[in-house]
Every structure is written in structure tokens, then in C-alpha cells.
Amino acid sequence: MILLLAGTKDGRELAADLVSAGFRVLASVTTPYGGALLREIPGVIVKIGRLDAAEMQRLVDRHRIKGILDATHPFAAEISQVAENVARSSGRPYLRWERQSAALPESSLLYQVQDWDGVAEKISDLHARSIFLAVGVNNLAFIVGHPLLSHCSFAVRVLPLPGAVSTCLRVGLKPQQIVALQGPGSRELNRTLFEHFQVDALVTKESGPEGGTAEKVRAALDLGIPIVLVERPVSERTDYGHVVSDKDAVIRWAEQVEYQSTDFFVKQEGIR
């Protein structure tokens, strides 16, 4: 069985591809919403909830996992590192699925930053006041509460999930500042949202085509709105196993894992 760390659209597609190719898949996601989407794929076993290293190791041992396929979000660096460490310590093959980067136009209005401190500094440099945040919920408290941005008003787009909306309210946002919407959205939809909130700066992440990055950027450029784009964390690149962006390569890896794992489990159980 292959452990697939999913929770993204491409993760679900990989799960379907692997099952169709005859592999047994245990897919791990953090939210019930992600689990419900995965359960629509016949044959996928779903585990819901956050995993630390000990819990992932127990999962690997209990289900006799043969290999770990990491298809988490490009910005989920922490769980990717956990997966690498568990794979390395248990002798299982590890494969990192890496999304293609978004094809973005060149523009003097597009500013790339490496981290969230860079976001605050750039917004301050731009003297922007009405900020649209399309960055998820994990860093909302940091941005909304940053002293450099105390003069700003914010509108945020998050998933239509109770936990996401609760996080927005907890950091001090009001209901009229929250857009709870499943993405990715079209260029036209993003442009409408930016016009509605009278945005003078967009903050988003380089989440690739699956995250609708290009549509957000182009919509902002249509309106002459500067974009602060957070680059992917460097730590997403594995130093154990391999990184691929081709689904055929994933299937080939799974085939190799199945072939090699027979000898691995025989030795582990002391049969020879």
C-alpha cells in the first residue's frame, strides 16, 4: 500500500490515477472536507487528521506502507519534512510531487517576496491601504496584526469551511471582509472581487496553476493593482528520494516500489 499525503486537487488526481493503475492507496488529509472529496474516488482508504512524526510512523507500520508519496500543498513545508524523515528512518521510498510553477506575465507591478515579513514590508513600501489576501488562513493573524500594517483594511478569500471562517473572525475580521469560496476562480471572478473591495494591493502565494495564481495576478494587473507574491519555500525540495512533476513518473515510481518492497518486508519479518 502507498501512503499518499493529499489534500489538494492534484493529490486527489494522483490518488485516482494510482487506484486505476491497480495500486492500493491510503490517502491522508487534515480536514473532513478533504476526506469527503477523496472518498468520492472508489478504492481509496482515507485517514483524516493532522499527523506528527510518531503518528505517521504508526500509520506506516500498521498498514505496511511500501512508499510515501507527498502531494501536499507547495507551502506545507513542515509536513513534507516530517514525511521525508519518516521515510528515511523507516527505509521506505519517498517521492515528492511538485506542481509546475504558474506562468506569470512580467510586470513592474509584480513583487516577489520570500516570506511573510517580506509581505508586510512590501505592502508598507507600497503605501497600500485596502489589501486583498488570497493566502489561506495559516498566516492571517501575522499579517492582519502586523504593526507595519495597522493602517490597512483587509478582505480575505478562504475556503468555505467553518474552521477557515472561524479563523478569520478570531483574528478580528468582520463577516463583510470574508469571501468564503472554493477555488480556483476565473480571471473575471477575481477582477470582480478586487473591484468590489476597491483593492489597491493583492497578496497571494505562488501555488501554481492548480491554485489559480495566474488568474489572480492577471486580474490584478487588468486593474493596475500591485501584487505581492510569496515565493514557495525552499524547504519544499526534498533531499531524500526524488521530486517529479509528471504523473507517468509517479506510476513508474509506484511500480518500482511494489517490486522492491516484497524483498523489504520479507527481510523485516525475518523470513530470510
C-alpha atoms as a PDB file:
ATOM      1  CA  MET A   1       0.000   0.000   0.000  1.00  0.00           C
ATOM      2  CA  ILE A   2       1.154   3.529  -0.808  1.00  0.00           C
ATOM      3  CA  LEU A   3       0.691   6.362   1.669  1.00  0.00           C
ATOM      4  CA  LEU A   4      -0.426   9.465  -0.226  1.00  0.00           C
ATOM      5  CA  LEU A   5      -0.288  12.773   1.616  1.00  0.00           C
ATOM      6  CA  ALA A   6      -3.014  14.629  -0.216  1.00  0.00           C
ATOM      7  CA  GLY A   7      -5.487  17.432   0.487  1.00  0.00           C
ATOM      8  CA  THR A   8      -5.029  19.168  -2.867  1.00  0.00           C
ATOM      9  CA  LYS A   9      -6.675  18.799  -6.259  1.00  0.00           C
ATOM     10  CA  ASP A  10      -3.552  17.264  -7.752  1.00  0.00           C
ATOM     11  CA  GLY A  11      -3.327  14.914  -4.776  1.00  0.00           C
ATOM     12  CA  ARG A  12      -6.825  13.649  -5.495  1.00  0.00           C
ATOM     13  CA  GLU A  13      -5.991  13.201  -9.158  1.00  0.00           C
ATOM     14  CA  LEU A  14      -2.907  11.185  -8.245  1.00  0.00           C
ATOM     15  CA  ALA A  15      -4.990   9.016  -5.924  1.00  0.00           C
ATOM     16  CA  ALA A  16      -7.403   8.248  -8.766  1.00  0.00           C
ATOM     17  CA  ASP A  17      -4.532   7.523 -11.162  1.00  0.00           C
ATOM     18  CA  LEU A  18      -2.854   5.137  -8.736  1.00  0.00           C
ATOM     19  CA  VAL A  19      -6.047   3.228  -7.979  1.00  0.00           C
ATOM     20  CA  SER A  20      -6.846   2.972 -11.686  1.00  0.00           C
ATOM     21  CA  ALA A  21      -3.366   1.518 -12.221  1.00  0.00           C
ATOM     22  CA  GLY A  22      -4.081  -1.181  -9.638  1.00  0.00           C
ATOM     23  CA  PHE A  23      -2.295   0.182  -6.561  1.00  0.00           C
ATOM     24  CA  ARG A  24      -3.709   0.237  -3.044  1.00  0.00           C
ATOM     25  CA  VAL A  25      -3.745   3.777  -1.668  1.00  0.00           C
ATOM     26  CA  LEU A  26      -4.096   5.163   1.842  1.00  0.00           C
ATOM     27  CA  ALA A  27      -4.677   8.909   1.493  1.00  0.00           C
ATOM     28  CA  SER A  28      -4.072  11.207   4.446  1.00  0.00           C
ATOM     29  CA  VAL A  29      -5.726  14.640   4.679  1.00  0.00           C
ATOM     30  CA  THR A  30      -6.119  17.131   7.506  1.00  0.00           C
ATOM     31  CA  THR A  31      -9.753  18.180   7.055  1.00  0.00           C
ATOM     32  CA  PRO A  32     -13.110  16.359   6.820  1.00  0.00           C
ATOM     33  CA  TYR A  33     -13.769  18.346   3.640  1.00  0.00           C
ATOM     34  CA  GLY A  34     -10.639  16.956   2.002  1.00  0.00           C
ATOM     35  CA  GLY A  35     -11.583  13.495   3.217  1.00  0.00           C
ATOM     36  CA  ALA A  36     -15.064  13.754   1.702  1.00  0.00           C
ATOM     37  CA  LEU A  37     -13.598  14.657  -1.687  1.00  0.00           C
ATOM     38  CA  LEU A  38     -11.185  11.728  -1.560  1.00  0.00           C
ATOM     39  CA  ARG A  39     -13.947   9.302  -0.598  1.00  0.00           C
ATOM     40  CA  GLU A  40     -15.576  10.049  -3.923  1.00  0.00           C
ATOM     41  CA  ILE A  41     -12.732   8.052  -5.508  1.00  0.00           C
ATOM     42  CA  PRO A  42     -13.605   4.336  -5.331  1.00  0.00           C
ATOM     43  CA  GLY A  43     -10.967   2.198  -3.671  1.00  0.00           C
ATOM     44  CA  VAL A  44      -9.103   4.909  -1.738  1.00  0.00           C
ATOM     45  CA  ILE A  45      -8.735   4.422   2.015  1.00  0.00           C
ATOM     46  CA  VAL A  46      -8.911   7.809   3.759  1.00  0.00           C
ATOM     47  CA  LYS A  47      -7.282   8.951   7.005  1.00  0.00           C
ATOM     48  CA  ILE A  48      -8.420  12.331   8.332  1.00  0.00           C
ATOM     49  CA  GLY A  49      -6.438  14.418  10.808  1.00  0.00           C
ATOM     50  CA  ARG A  50      -3.064  16.059  11.233  1.00  0.00           C
ATOM     51  CA  LEU A  51      -0.066  13.746  11.540  1.00  0.00           C
ATOM     52  CA  ASP A  52       3.066  14.285  13.566  1.00  0.00           C
ATOM     53  CA  ALA A  53       6.130  12.103  13.073  1.00  0.00           C
ATOM     54  CA  ALA A  54       5.086   9.449  15.610  1.00  0.00           C
ATOM     55  CA  GLU A  55       1.564   9.192  14.205  1.00  0.00           C
ATOM     56  CA  MET A  56       2.835   8.923  10.641  1.00  0.00           C
ATOM     57  CA  GLN A  57       5.289   6.216  11.661  1.00  0.00           C
ATOM     58  CA  ARG A  58       2.481   4.236  13.314  1.00  0.00           C
ATOM     59  CA  LEU A  59       0.428   4.605  10.152  1.00  0.00           C
ATOM     60  CA  VAL A  60       3.330   3.351   8.045  1.00  0.00           C
ATOM     61  CA  ASP A  61       3.854   0.335  10.306  1.00  0.00           C
ATOM     62  CA  ARG A  62       0.183  -0.552  10.809  1.00  0.00           C
ATOM     63  CA  HIS A  63      -0.675  -0.515   7.118  1.00  0.00           C
ATOM     64  CA  ARG A  64       2.611  -1.971   5.897  1.00  0.00           C
ATOM     65  CA  ILE A  65       3.209   1.094   3.768  1.00  0.00           C
ATOM     66  CA  LYS A  66       5.587   0.439   0.885  1.00  0.00           C
ATOM     67  CA  GLY A  67       6.280   4.023  -0.127  1.00  0.00           C
ATOM     68  CA  ILE A  68       5.283   7.611   0.751  1.00  0.00           C
ATOM     69  CA  LEU A  69       4.021   9.931  -1.966  1.00  0.00           C
ATOM     70  CA  ASP A  70       3.974  13.532  -0.771  1.00  0.00           C
ATOM     71  CA  ALA A  71       1.431  15.565  -2.737  1.00  0.00           C
ATOM     72  CA  THR A  72       0.801  18.200  -0.089  1.00  0.00           C
ATOM     73  CA  HIS A  73       0.471  21.888  -0.884  1.00  0.00           C
ATOM     74  CA  PRO A  74       3.700  23.602  -2.023  1.00  0.00           C
ATOM     75  CA  PHE A  75       3.609  25.723   1.151  1.00  0.00           C
ATOM     76  CA  ALA A  76       3.090  22.774   3.527  1.00  0.00           C
ATOM     77  CA  ALA A  77       6.834  22.524   4.179  1.00  0.00           C
ATOM     78  CA  GLU A  78       6.519  21.205   7.726  1.00  0.00           C
ATOM     79  CA  ILE A  79       4.566  18.044   6.892  1.00  0.00           C
ATOM     80  CA  SER A  80       6.810  17.423   3.894  1.00  0.00           C
ATOM     81  CA  GLN A  81       9.837  17.427   6.182  1.00  0.00           C
ATOM     82  CA  VAL A  82       8.066  15.043   8.566  1.00  0.00           C
ATOM     83  CA  ALA A  83       7.284  12.699   5.677  1.00  0.00           C
ATOM     84  CA  GLU A  84      10.885  12.756   4.458  1.00  0.00           C
ATOM     85  CA  ASN A  85      12.178  11.959   7.935  1.00  0.00           C
ATOM     86  CA  VAL A  86       9.735   9.091   8.471  1.00  0.00           C
ATOM     87  CA  ALA A  87      10.544   7.627   5.070  1.00  0.00           C
ATOM     88  CA  ARG A  88      14.268   7.883   5.677  1.00  0.00           C
ATOM     89  CA  SER A  89      14.178   6.403   9.197  1.00  0.00           C
ATOM     90  CA  SER A  90      11.923   3.504   8.172  1.00  0.00           C
ATOM     91  CA  GLY A  91      13.706   2.749   4.911  1.00  0.00           C
ATOM     92  CA  ARG A  92      10.688   3.471   2.710  1.00  0.00           C
ATOM     93  CA  PRO A  93      10.942   5.170  -0.680  1.00  0.00           C
ATOM     94  CA  TYR A  94       9.793   8.794  -0.700  1.00  0.00           C
ATOM     95  CA  LEU A  95       8.551  10.767  -3.687  1.00  0.00           C
ATOM     96  CA  ARG A  96       7.672  14.450  -3.692  1.00  0.00           C
ATOM     97  CA  TRP A  97       5.075  15.618  -6.190  1.00  0.00           C
ATOM     98  CA  GLU A  98       5.897  19.183  -7.200  1.00  0.00           C
ATOM     99  CA  ARG A  99       3.419  21.357  -9.025  1.00  0.00           C
ATOM    100  CA  GLN A 100       4.534  23.271 -12.045  1.00  0.00           C
ATOM    101  CA  SER A 101       5.067  26.961 -11.410  1.00  0.00           C
ATOM    102  CA  ALA A 102       2.457  29.380 -12.645  1.00  0.00           C
ATOM    103  CA  ALA A 103       3.126  31.105 -15.972  1.00  0.00           C
ATOM    104  CA  LEU A 104       3.105  34.746 -14.948  1.00  0.00           C
ATOM    105  CA  PRO A 105       3.497  37.880 -17.064  1.00  0.00           C
ATOM    106  CA  GLU A 106       6.380  40.236 -16.495  1.00  0.00           C
ATOM    107  CA  SER A 107       5.240  43.448 -14.850  1.00  0.00           C
ATOM    108  CA  SER A 108       6.646  46.247 -12.740  1.00  0.00           C
ATOM    109  CA  LEU A 109       3.557  45.753 -10.542  1.00  0.00           C
ATOM    110  CA  LEU A 110       4.531  42.184  -9.612  1.00  0.00           C
ATOM    111  CA  TYR A 111       6.709  41.981  -6.491  1.00  0.00           C
ATOM    112  CA  GLN A 112       8.058  38.631  -5.338  1.00  0.00           C
ATOM    113  CA  VAL A 113       8.983  38.146  -1.684  1.00  0.00           C
ATOM    114  CA  GLN A 114      10.420  35.175   0.161  1.00  0.00           C
ATOM    115  CA  ASP A 115       8.469  35.222   3.408  1.00  0.00           C
ATOM    116  CA  TRP A 116       5.674  36.866   5.382  1.00  0.00           C
ATOM    117  CA  ASP A 117       7.898  39.552   6.848  1.00  0.00           C
ATOM    118  CA  GLY A 118       8.645  40.466   3.253  1.00  0.00           C
ATOM    119  CA  VAL A 119       4.904  40.739   2.608  1.00  0.00           C
ATOM    120  CA  ALA A 120       4.445  43.286   5.402  1.00  0.00           C
ATOM    121  CA  GLU A 121       7.466  45.289   4.346  1.00  0.00           C
ATOM    122  CA  LYS A 122       6.427  45.434   0.704  1.00  0.00           C
ATOM    123  CA  ILE A 123       2.835  46.453   1.474  1.00  0.00           C
ATOM    124  CA  SER A 124       4.210  49.195   3.712  1.00  0.00           C
ATOM    125  CA  ASP A 125       6.582  50.337   0.953  1.00  0.00           C
ATOM    126  CA  LEU A 126       3.656  50.484  -1.493  1.00  0.00           C
ATOM    127  CA  HIS A 127       1.611  52.637   0.945  1.00  0.00           C
ATOM    128  CA  ALA A 128      -1.335  50.352   0.175  1.00  0.00           C
ATOM    129  CA  ARG A 129      -4.386  50.578   2.414  1.00  0.00           C
ATOM    130  CA  SER A 130      -7.011  48.206   1.026  1.00  0.00           C
ATOM    131  CA  ILE A 131      -5.443  44.742   0.842  1.00  0.00           C
ATOM    132  CA  PHE A 132      -6.927  41.594  -0.636  1.00  0.00           C
ATOM    133  CA  LEU A 133      -5.426  38.469   0.937  1.00  0.00           C
ATOM    134  CA  ALA A 134      -5.602  35.219  -1.017  1.00  0.00           C
ATOM    135  CA  VAL A 135      -3.137  33.301   1.145  1.00  0.00           C
ATOM    136  CA  GLY A 136      -5.172  30.791   3.147  1.00  0.00           C
ATOM    137  CA  VAL A 137      -5.628  31.089   6.907  1.00  0.00           C
ATOM    138  CA  ASN A 138      -2.324  29.950   8.424  1.00  0.00           C
ATOM    139  CA  ASN A 139      -0.690  33.378   8.250  1.00  0.00           C
ATOM    140  CA  LEU A 140      -3.706  35.641   8.617  1.00  0.00           C
ATOM    141  CA  ALA A 141      -3.012  36.558  12.242  1.00  0.00           C
ATOM    142  CA  PHE A 142       0.558  37.533  11.398  1.00  0.00           C
ATOM    143  CA  ILE A 143      -0.452  39.794   8.505  1.00  0.00           C
ATOM    144  CA  VAL A 144      -3.587  41.358   9.983  1.00  0.00           C
ATOM    145  CA  GLY A 145      -1.838  42.046  13.286  1.00  0.00           C
ATOM    146  CA  HIS A 146       1.486  43.253  11.887  1.00  0.00           C
ATOM    147  CA  PRO A 147       2.448  46.701  13.219  1.00  0.00           C
ATOM    148  CA  LEU A 148       3.541  47.884   9.762  1.00  0.00           C
ATOM    149  CA  LEU A 149       0.004  47.222   8.505  1.00  0.00           C
ATOM    150  CA  SER A 150      -2.021  48.776  11.301  1.00  0.00           C
ATOM    151  CA  HIS A 151      -3.360  51.393   8.873  1.00  0.00           C
ATOM    152  CA  CYS A 152      -4.646  48.766   6.402  1.00  0.00           C
ATOM    153  CA  SER A 153      -8.076  47.282   5.845  1.00  0.00           C
ATOM    154  CA  PHE A 154      -8.313  43.715   4.628  1.00  0.00           C
ATOM    155  CA  ALA A 155     -10.547  41.483   2.562  1.00  0.00           C
ATOM    156  CA  VAL A 156      -9.728  37.781   2.554  1.00  0.00           C
ATOM    157  CA  ARG A 157     -10.634  34.834   0.403  1.00  0.00           C
ATOM    158  CA  VAL A 158     -10.695  31.470   2.162  1.00  0.00           C
ATOM    159  CA  LEU A 159     -12.235  28.054   1.676  1.00  0.00           C
ATOM    160  CA  PRO A 160     -15.928  27.787   2.593  1.00  0.00           C
ATOM    161  CA  LEU A 161     -15.197  25.765   5.726  1.00  0.00           C
ATOM    162  CA  PRO A 162     -16.248  26.523   9.317  1.00  0.00           C
ATOM    163  CA  GLY A 163     -12.663  26.366  10.549  1.00  0.00           C
ATOM    164  CA  ALA A 164     -11.448  28.826   7.934  1.00  0.00           C
ATOM    165  CA  VAL A 165     -14.219  31.336   8.654  1.00  0.00           C
ATOM    166  CA  SER A 166     -13.689  30.927  12.408  1.00  0.00           C
ATOM    167  CA  THR A 167     -10.012  31.754  11.985  1.00  0.00           C
ATOM    168  CA  CYS A 168     -10.911  34.923  10.094  1.00  0.00           C
ATOM    169  CA  LEU A 169     -13.275  36.031  12.845  1.00  0.00           C
ATOM    170  CA  ARG A 170     -10.760  35.141  15.541  1.00  0.00           C
ATOM    171  CA  VAL A 171      -8.113  37.463  14.054  1.00  0.00           C
ATOM    172  CA  GLY A 172     -10.587  40.347  14.077  1.00  0.00           C
ATOM    173  CA  LEU A 173     -12.045  40.299  10.577  1.00  0.00           C
ATOM    174  CA  LYS A 174     -15.739  41.037  10.155  1.00  0.00           C
ATOM    175  CA  PRO A 175     -18.139  38.968   8.035  1.00  0.00           C
ATOM    176  CA  GLN A 176     -18.227  41.620   5.304  1.00  0.00           C
ATOM    177  CA  GLN A 177     -14.459  41.215   4.904  1.00  0.00           C
ATOM    178  CA  ILE A 178     -14.623  37.460   4.266  1.00  0.00           C
ATOM    179  CA  VAL A 179     -15.120  35.756   0.895  1.00  0.00           C
ATOM    180  CA  ALA A 180     -15.658  32.033   1.540  1.00  0.00           C
ATOM    181  CA  LEU A 181     -15.272  30.477  -1.881  1.00  0.00           C
ATOM    182  CA  GLN A 182     -13.911  27.267  -3.347  1.00  0.00           C
ATOM    183  CA  GLY A 183     -11.226  27.990  -5.914  1.00  0.00           C
ATOM    184  CA  PRO A 184      -9.594  28.318  -8.234  1.00  0.00           C
ATOM    185  CA  GLY A 185     -11.570  31.202  -9.673  1.00  0.00           C
ATOM    186  CA  SER A 186     -11.522  32.714 -13.129  1.00  0.00           C
ATOM    187  CA  ARG A 187      -9.749  35.908 -14.073  1.00  0.00           C
ATOM    188  CA  GLU A 188     -13.132  37.601 -14.393  1.00  0.00           C
ATOM    189  CA  LEU A 189     -14.261  36.484 -10.922  1.00  0.00           C
ATOM    190  CA  ASN A 190     -11.069  37.756  -9.326  1.00  0.00           C
ATOM    191  CA  ARG A 191     -11.362  41.069 -11.129  1.00  0.00           C
ATOM    192  CA  THR A 192     -14.932  41.459  -9.848  1.00  0.00           C
ATOM    193  CA  LEU A 193     -13.825  40.765  -6.276  1.00  0.00           C
ATOM    194  CA  PHE A 194     -10.970  43.259  -6.474  1.00  0.00           C
ATOM    195  CA  GLU A 195     -13.285  45.931  -7.855  1.00  0.00           C
ATOM    196  CA  HIS A 196     -15.925  45.244  -5.215  1.00  0.00           C
ATOM    197  CA  PHE A 197     -13.469  45.667  -2.353  1.00  0.00           C
ATOM    198  CA  GLN A 198     -11.714  48.617  -4.026  1.00  0.00           C
ATOM    199  CA  VAL A 199      -8.407  46.842  -3.620  1.00  0.00           C
ATOM    200  CA  ASP A 200      -5.117  48.671  -4.006  1.00  0.00           C
ATOM    201  CA  ALA A 201      -2.847  45.652  -3.384  1.00  0.00           C
ATOM    202  CA  LEU A 202      -3.159  41.881  -3.738  1.00  0.00           C
ATOM    203  CA  VAL A 203      -1.225  39.388  -1.641  1.00  0.00           C
ATOM    204  CA  THR A 204      -1.164  35.803  -2.877  1.00  0.00           C
ATOM    205  CA  LYS A 205       1.111  32.742  -2.978  1.00  0.00           C
ATOM    206  CA  GLU A 206       2.853  31.060  -5.885  1.00  0.00           C
ATOM    207  CA  SER A 207       0.657  27.972  -5.685  1.00  0.00           C
ATOM    208  CA  GLY A 208       0.900  27.048  -9.350  1.00  0.00           C
ATOM    209  CA  PRO A 209      -1.870  26.572 -11.918  1.00  0.00           C
ATOM    210  CA  GLU A 210      -3.897  24.422  -9.506  1.00  0.00           C
ATOM    211  CA  GLY A 211      -4.064  27.341  -7.095  1.00  0.00           C
ATOM    212  CA  GLY A 212      -5.241  29.789  -9.735  1.00  0.00           C
ATOM    213  CA  THR A 213      -2.198  32.009  -9.241  1.00  0.00           C
ATOM    214  CA  ALA A 214      -2.078  33.295 -12.825  1.00  0.00           C
ATOM    215  CA  GLU A 215      -5.779  34.189 -12.838  1.00  0.00           C
ATOM    216  CA  LYS A 216      -5.392  36.276  -9.680  1.00  0.00           C
ATOM    217  CA  VAL A 217      -2.273  38.025 -10.937  1.00  0.00           C
ATOM    218  CA  ARG A 218      -3.698  38.827 -14.362  1.00  0.00           C
ATOM    219  CA  ALA A 219      -6.943  40.122 -12.843  1.00  0.00           C
ATOM    220  CA  ALA A 220      -4.986  42.469 -10.599  1.00  0.00           C
ATOM    221  CA  LEU A 221      -2.847  43.672 -13.497  1.00  0.00           C
ATOM    222  CA  ASP A 222      -6.004  44.356 -15.522  1.00  0.00           C
ATOM    223  CA  LEU A 223      -6.915  46.892 -12.849  1.00  0.00           C
ATOM    224  CA  GLY A 224      -3.414  48.269 -12.303  1.00  0.00           C
ATOM    225  CA  ILE A 225      -3.235  46.740  -8.828  1.00  0.00           C
ATOM    226  CA  PRO A 226       0.224  45.796  -7.467  1.00  0.00           C
ATOM    227  CA  ILE A 227       0.713  42.159  -6.457  1.00  0.00           C
ATOM    228  CA  VAL A 228       2.858  40.879  -3.618  1.00  0.00           C
ATOM    229  CA  LEU A 229       3.608  37.256  -4.491  1.00  0.00           C
ATOM    230  CA  VAL A 230       5.023  34.939  -1.840  1.00  0.00           C
ATOM    231  CA  GLU A 231       7.534  32.526  -3.345  1.00  0.00           C
ATOM    232  CA  ARG A 232       7.451  28.835  -2.494  1.00  0.00           C
ATOM    233  CA  PRO A 233       9.572  27.857   0.492  1.00  0.00           C
ATOM    234  CA  VAL A 234      12.957  26.437  -0.421  1.00  0.00           C
ATOM    235  CA  SER A 235      12.440  23.598   2.061  1.00  0.00           C
ATOM    236  CA  GLU A 236       9.792  22.042  -0.175  1.00  0.00           C
ATOM    237  CA  ARG A 237      12.585  20.453  -2.245  1.00  0.00           C
ATOM    238  CA  THR A 238      13.463  17.021  -0.960  1.00  0.00           C
ATOM    239  CA  ASP A 239      16.967  15.899  -0.056  1.00  0.00           C
ATOM    240  CA  TYR A 240      15.726  12.310   0.257  1.00  0.00           C
ATOM    241  CA  GLY A 241      14.030  10.434  -2.544  1.00  0.00           C
ATOM    242  CA  HIS A 242      13.027  12.214  -5.728  1.00  0.00           C
ATOM    243  CA  VAL A 243      10.924  15.123  -6.978  1.00  0.00           C
ATOM    244  CA  VAL A 244       8.646  14.774 -10.019  1.00  0.00           C
ATOM    245  CA  SER A 245       6.004  16.811 -11.818  1.00  0.00           C
ATOM    246  CA  ASP A 246       4.928  14.124 -14.282  1.00  0.00           C
ATOM    247  CA  LYS A 247       2.096  11.722 -13.452  1.00  0.00           C
ATOM    248  CA  ASP A 248       3.611   8.956 -15.553  1.00  0.00           C
ATOM    249  CA  ALA A 249       6.722   9.226 -13.377  1.00  0.00           C
ATOM    250  CA  VAL A 250       4.546   8.701 -10.302  1.00  0.00           C
ATOM    251  CA  ILE A 251       3.149   5.470 -11.752  1.00  0.00           C
ATOM    252  CA  ARG A 252       6.642   4.261 -12.631  1.00  0.00           C
ATOM    253  CA  TRP A 253       7.781   5.024  -9.096  1.00  0.00           C
ATOM    254  CA  ALA A 254       4.813   3.105  -7.662  1.00  0.00           C
ATOM    255  CA  GLU A 255       5.640   0.117  -9.847  1.00  0.00           C
ATOM    256  CA  GLN A 256       9.222   0.173  -8.641  1.00  0.00           C
ATOM    257  CA  VAL A 257       8.076   0.485  -5.025  1.00  0.00           C
ATOM    258  CA  GLU A 258       5.835  -2.560  -5.403  1.00  0.00           C
ATOM    259  CA  TYR A 259       8.662  -4.576  -6.949  1.00  0.00           C
ATOM    260  CA  GLN A 260      11.279  -3.630  -4.363  1.00  0.00           C
ATOM    261  CA  SER A 261       9.021  -3.798  -1.322  1.00  0.00           C
ATOM    262  CA  THR A 262       8.486  -7.554  -1.479  1.00  0.00           C
ATOM    263  CA  ASP A 263      12.107  -8.197  -0.528  1.00  0.00           C
ATOM    264  CA  PHE A 264      11.987  -5.393   2.067  1.00  0.00           C
ATOM    265  CA  PHE A 265       9.052  -6.873   4.003  1.00  0.00           C
ATOM    266  CA  VAL A 266      10.414 -10.402   3.804  1.00  0.00           C
ATOM    267  CA  LYS A 267      13.652  -9.212   5.426  1.00  0.00           C
ATOM    268  CA  GLN A 268      11.793  -7.113   8.006  1.00  0.00           C
ATOM    269  CA  GLU A 269       9.797 -10.129   9.131  1.00  0.00           C
ATOM    270  CA  GLY A 270      12.891 -12.291   9.383  1.00  0.00           C
ATOM    271  CA  ILE A 271      11.797 -14.884   6.872  1.00  0.00           C
ATOM    272  CA  ARG A 272      15.204 -14.867   5.207  1.00  0.00           C
END
